[in-house]
Amino acid sequence: MAPVIAFVTVTINPEMVDRFLQVMKEDSIGSLGRENGGCLRFDVLADPKTPNKFMLYEMCARARAPAPPAARPRPPPPRPLIA
C-alpha cells in the first residue's frame, strides 16, 4: 500500500509563533513511529516571505482507520494559535 501524505498550510497569529513551533515540535516527536498509521515523516516548513505562515507535511505508512464514534476522543478546546 502506498504511503498517505497530508500537506496543510496555516497562518499563525504573529504573537503565537513561538508557542506554535513549540507545540509542533512536541507533536512531531509524538507522531513519529506511532503504531496508528506509522508516521514516517513529519515536517514543519516556514514560509521565507511570511514569518507567521507554515506548511505541515506528514507522511504515514498507511491511512489511519477511524475509531468507532463511541471511542473517539472529544476534540480539544480551541487554542489561540491560528490567526
N, C-alpha and C. Protein backbone atom coordinates (compact mmCIF):
# COMPACT_ATOMS: atom_id res chain seq x y z
N MET A 1 0.85 -1.18 0.00
CA MET A 1 0.00 0.00 0.00
C MET A 1 0.90 1.24 0.00
N ALA A 2 0.52 2.23 -0.78
CA ALA A 2 1.28 3.47 -0.88
C ALA A 2 1.12 4.31 0.38
N PRO A 3 2.15 5.08 0.74
CA PRO A 3 2.03 5.96 1.90
C PRO A 3 0.95 7.02 1.68
N VAL A 4 0.44 7.54 2.78
CA VAL A 4 -0.56 8.60 2.75
C VAL A 4 0.13 9.88 3.20
N ILE A 5 -0.08 10.95 2.43
CA ILE A 5 0.58 12.22 2.72
C ILE A 5 -0.47 13.30 2.98
N ALA A 6 -0.23 14.07 4.03
CA ALA A 6 -1.07 15.24 4.34
C ALA A 6 -0.18 16.47 4.26
N PHE A 7 -0.68 17.50 3.58
CA PHE A 7 0.05 18.77 3.46
C PHE A 7 -0.93 19.88 3.80
N VAL A 8 -0.62 20.64 4.85
CA VAL A 8 -1.52 21.68 5.34
C VAL A 8 -0.76 22.98 5.45
N THR A 9 -1.39 24.07 5.02
CA THR A 9 -0.81 25.40 5.17
C THR A 9 -1.61 26.15 6.24
N VAL A 10 -0.89 26.76 7.19
CA VAL A 10 -1.55 27.52 8.25
C VAL A 10 -0.89 28.88 8.41
N THR A 11 -1.70 29.85 8.80
CA THR A 11 -1.20 31.18 9.14
C THR A 11 -1.48 31.38 10.62
N ILE A 12 -0.43 31.68 11.37
CA ILE A 12 -0.50 31.76 12.82
C ILE A 12 -0.50 33.22 13.26
N ASN A 13 -1.22 33.50 14.33
CA ASN A 13 -1.18 34.82 14.93
C ASN A 13 0.29 35.13 15.23
N PRO A 14 0.83 36.27 14.77
CA PRO A 14 2.26 36.56 14.95
C PRO A 14 2.75 36.45 16.40
N GLU A 15 1.91 36.80 17.35
CA GLU A 15 2.32 36.72 18.76
C GLU A 15 2.43 35.28 19.25
N MET A 16 1.87 34.33 18.51
CA MET A 16 1.84 32.93 18.94
C MET A 16 2.80 32.03 18.18
N VAL A 17 3.65 32.59 17.34
CA VAL A 17 4.54 31.78 16.51
C VAL A 17 5.47 30.91 17.36
N ASP A 18 6.09 31.49 18.40
CA ASP A 18 7.00 30.69 19.23
C ASP A 18 6.26 29.52 19.89
N ARG A 19 5.08 29.78 20.41
CA ARG A 19 4.28 28.72 21.04
C ARG A 19 3.87 27.67 20.02
N PHE A 20 3.46 28.11 18.83
CA PHE A 20 3.09 27.19 17.76
C PHE A 20 4.25 26.25 17.43
N LEU A 21 5.44 26.82 17.29
CA LEU A 21 6.61 26.00 16.96
C LEU A 21 6.92 25.00 18.08
N GLN A 22 6.74 25.42 19.32
CA GLN A 22 6.95 24.51 20.44
C GLN A 22 5.95 23.35 20.38
N VAL A 23 4.69 23.67 20.15
CA VAL A 23 3.65 22.63 20.06
C VAL A 23 3.91 21.71 18.88
N MET A 24 4.31 22.26 17.75
CA MET A 24 4.58 21.42 16.57
C MET A 24 5.78 20.52 16.80
N LYS A 25 6.77 21.00 17.52
CA LYS A 25 7.93 20.15 17.82
C LYS A 25 7.49 18.96 18.68
N GLU A 26 6.70 19.24 19.72
CA GLU A 26 6.20 18.17 20.58
C GLU A 26 5.34 17.19 19.79
N ASP A 27 4.47 17.73 18.92
CA ASP A 27 3.59 16.88 18.12
C ASP A 27 4.39 16.02 17.15
N SER A 28 5.41 16.60 16.53
CA SER A 28 6.20 15.83 15.56
C SER A 28 6.94 14.69 16.25
N ILE A 29 7.46 14.94 17.44
CA ILE A 29 8.15 13.88 18.18
C ILE A 29 7.16 12.78 18.55
N GLY A 30 5.96 13.18 18.97
CA GLY A 30 4.94 12.20 19.33
C GLY A 30 4.38 11.44 18.14
N SER A 31 4.41 12.07 16.96
CA SER A 31 3.84 11.44 15.77
C SER A 31 4.73 10.36 15.18
N LEU A 32 6.03 10.58 15.22
CA LEU A 32 6.94 9.64 14.57
C LEU A 32 6.88 8.28 15.24
N GLY A 33 6.66 7.27 14.43
CA GLY A 33 6.64 5.90 14.90
C GLY A 33 5.35 5.47 15.57
N ARG A 34 4.33 6.29 15.55
CA ARG A 34 3.05 5.88 16.14
C ARG A 34 2.56 4.62 15.44
N GLU A 35 2.09 3.69 16.23
CA GLU A 35 1.58 2.45 15.65
C GLU A 35 0.33 2.70 14.82
N ASN A 36 -0.44 3.70 15.19
CA ASN A 36 -1.69 4.01 14.49
C ASN A 36 -1.39 4.84 13.25
N GLY A 37 -1.01 4.21 12.17
CA GLY A 37 -0.75 4.92 10.93
C GLY A 37 0.71 4.92 10.54
N GLY A 38 1.59 4.59 11.46
CA GLY A 38 3.01 4.50 11.16
C GLY A 38 3.59 5.76 10.54
N CYS A 39 3.59 6.85 11.29
CA CYS A 39 4.12 8.11 10.77
C CYS A 39 5.59 7.95 10.41
N LEU A 40 5.91 8.22 9.15
CA LEU A 40 7.27 8.08 8.66
C LEU A 40 8.02 9.41 8.64
N ARG A 41 7.28 10.50 8.50
CA ARG A 41 7.92 11.82 8.40
C ARG A 41 6.92 12.88 8.83
N PHE A 42 7.40 13.87 9.55
CA PHE A 42 6.57 14.99 9.98
C PHE A 42 7.46 16.24 9.92
N ASP A 43 7.16 17.14 9.01
CA ASP A 43 7.97 18.35 8.83
C ASP A 43 7.12 19.59 9.03
N VAL A 44 7.74 20.61 9.60
CA VAL A 44 7.14 21.94 9.71
C VAL A 44 8.04 22.87 8.91
N LEU A 45 7.48 23.44 7.84
CA LEU A 45 8.25 24.30 6.94
C LEU A 45 7.77 25.74 7.10
N ALA A 46 8.72 26.66 7.20
CA ALA A 46 8.39 28.08 7.34
C ALA A 46 8.42 28.76 5.98
N ASP A 47 7.46 29.64 5.74
CA ASP A 47 7.44 30.44 4.52
C ASP A 47 8.49 31.54 4.67
N PRO A 48 9.49 31.60 3.80
CA PRO A 48 10.54 32.61 3.95
C PRO A 48 10.05 34.05 3.77
N LYS A 49 8.93 34.24 3.11
CA LYS A 49 8.42 35.59 2.86
C LYS A 49 7.40 36.04 3.90
N THR A 50 6.77 35.09 4.59
CA THR A 50 5.74 35.40 5.58
C THR A 50 6.09 34.67 6.87
N PRO A 51 6.66 35.36 7.87
CA PRO A 51 7.18 34.67 9.05
C PRO A 51 6.15 33.95 9.91
N ASN A 52 4.87 34.21 9.71
CA ASN A 52 3.86 33.51 10.51
C ASN A 52 3.04 32.51 9.67
N LYS A 53 3.57 32.13 8.52
CA LYS A 53 2.91 31.14 7.66
C LYS A 53 3.78 29.88 7.62
N PHE A 54 3.12 28.73 7.82
CA PHE A 54 3.83 27.46 7.89
C PHE A 54 3.12 26.40 7.06
N MET A 55 3.89 25.44 6.60
CA MET A 55 3.36 24.29 5.90
C MET A 55 3.70 23.06 6.73
N LEU A 56 2.72 22.21 6.95
CA LEU A 56 2.91 20.99 7.71
C LEU A 56 2.82 19.81 6.74
N TYR A 57 3.80 18.94 6.80
CA TYR A 57 3.88 17.79 5.90
C TYR A 57 4.00 16.54 6.76
N GLU A 58 3.08 15.59 6.57
CA GLU A 58 3.12 14.34 7.32
C GLU A 58 2.95 13.18 6.34
N MET A 59 3.83 12.20 6.46
CA MET A 59 3.73 11.01 5.63
C MET A 59 3.59 9.80 6.55
N CYS A 60 2.53 9.03 6.30
CA CYS A 60 2.25 7.84 7.10
C CYS A 60 2.33 6.61 6.21
N ALA A 61 2.70 5.51 6.81
CA ALA A 61 2.82 4.25 6.07
C ALA A 61 1.47 3.80 5.52
N ARG A 62 0.41 4.13 6.23
CA ARG A 62 -0.93 3.74 5.80
C ARG A 62 -1.94 4.74 6.37
N ALA A 63 -3.12 4.72 5.81
CA ALA A 63 -4.19 5.59 6.32
C ALA A 63 -4.60 5.12 7.70
N ARG A 64 -4.88 6.05 8.56
CA ARG A 64 -5.33 5.70 9.91
C ARG A 64 -6.80 5.33 9.85
N ALA A 65 -7.13 4.19 10.41
CA ALA A 65 -8.53 3.77 10.46
C ALA A 65 -9.26 4.62 11.49
N PRO A 66 -10.43 5.13 11.14
CA PRO A 66 -11.16 5.93 12.13
C PRO A 66 -11.67 5.05 13.26
N ALA A 67 -11.66 5.62 14.46
CA ALA A 67 -12.17 4.90 15.63
C ALA A 67 -13.69 4.91 15.57
N PRO A 68 -14.33 3.91 16.19
CA PRO A 68 -15.79 3.94 16.28
C PRO A 68 -16.23 5.21 17.02
N PRO A 69 -17.41 5.75 16.71
CA PRO A 69 -17.83 7.02 17.31
C PRO A 69 -17.73 7.07 18.82
N ALA A 70 -18.10 5.99 19.52
CA ALA A 70 -18.07 6.00 20.98
C ALA A 70 -16.64 6.05 21.52
N ALA A 71 -15.68 5.58 20.74
CA ALA A 71 -14.29 5.54 21.19
C ALA A 71 -13.51 6.80 20.83
N ARG A 72 -14.09 7.66 20.01
CA ARG A 72 -13.37 8.85 19.58
C ARG A 72 -13.26 9.85 20.74
N PRO A 73 -12.06 10.39 20.93
CA PRO A 73 -11.93 11.41 21.97
C PRO A 73 -12.63 12.69 21.54
N ARG A 74 -13.07 13.46 22.50
CA ARG A 74 -13.67 14.75 22.18
C ARG A 74 -12.58 15.68 21.71
N PRO A 75 -12.89 16.56 20.78
CA PRO A 75 -11.85 17.48 20.32
C PRO A 75 -11.41 18.40 21.45
N PRO A 76 -10.14 18.77 21.45
CA PRO A 76 -9.67 19.68 22.50
C PRO A 76 -10.29 21.05 22.32
N PRO A 77 -10.32 21.85 23.37
CA PRO A 77 -10.85 23.20 23.21
C PRO A 77 -9.99 23.99 22.23
N PRO A 78 -10.55 24.94 21.52
CA PRO A 78 -9.76 25.71 20.57
C PRO A 78 -8.58 26.38 21.24
N ARG A 79 -7.47 26.37 20.54
CA ARG A 79 -6.27 27.04 21.05
C ARG A 79 -6.02 28.27 20.19
N PRO A 80 -5.63 29.36 20.79
CA PRO A 80 -5.47 30.62 20.03
C PRO A 80 -4.15 30.68 19.29
N LEU A 81 -3.85 29.63 18.50
CA LEU A 81 -2.60 29.61 17.76
C LEU A 81 -2.75 30.08 16.33
N ILE A 82 -3.93 29.93 15.77
CA ILE A 82 -4.14 30.26 14.37
C ILE A 82 -4.79 31.63 14.28
N ALA A 83 -4.24 32.46 13.41
CA ALA A 83 -4.77 33.83 13.26
C ALA A 83 -6.08 33.80 12.54
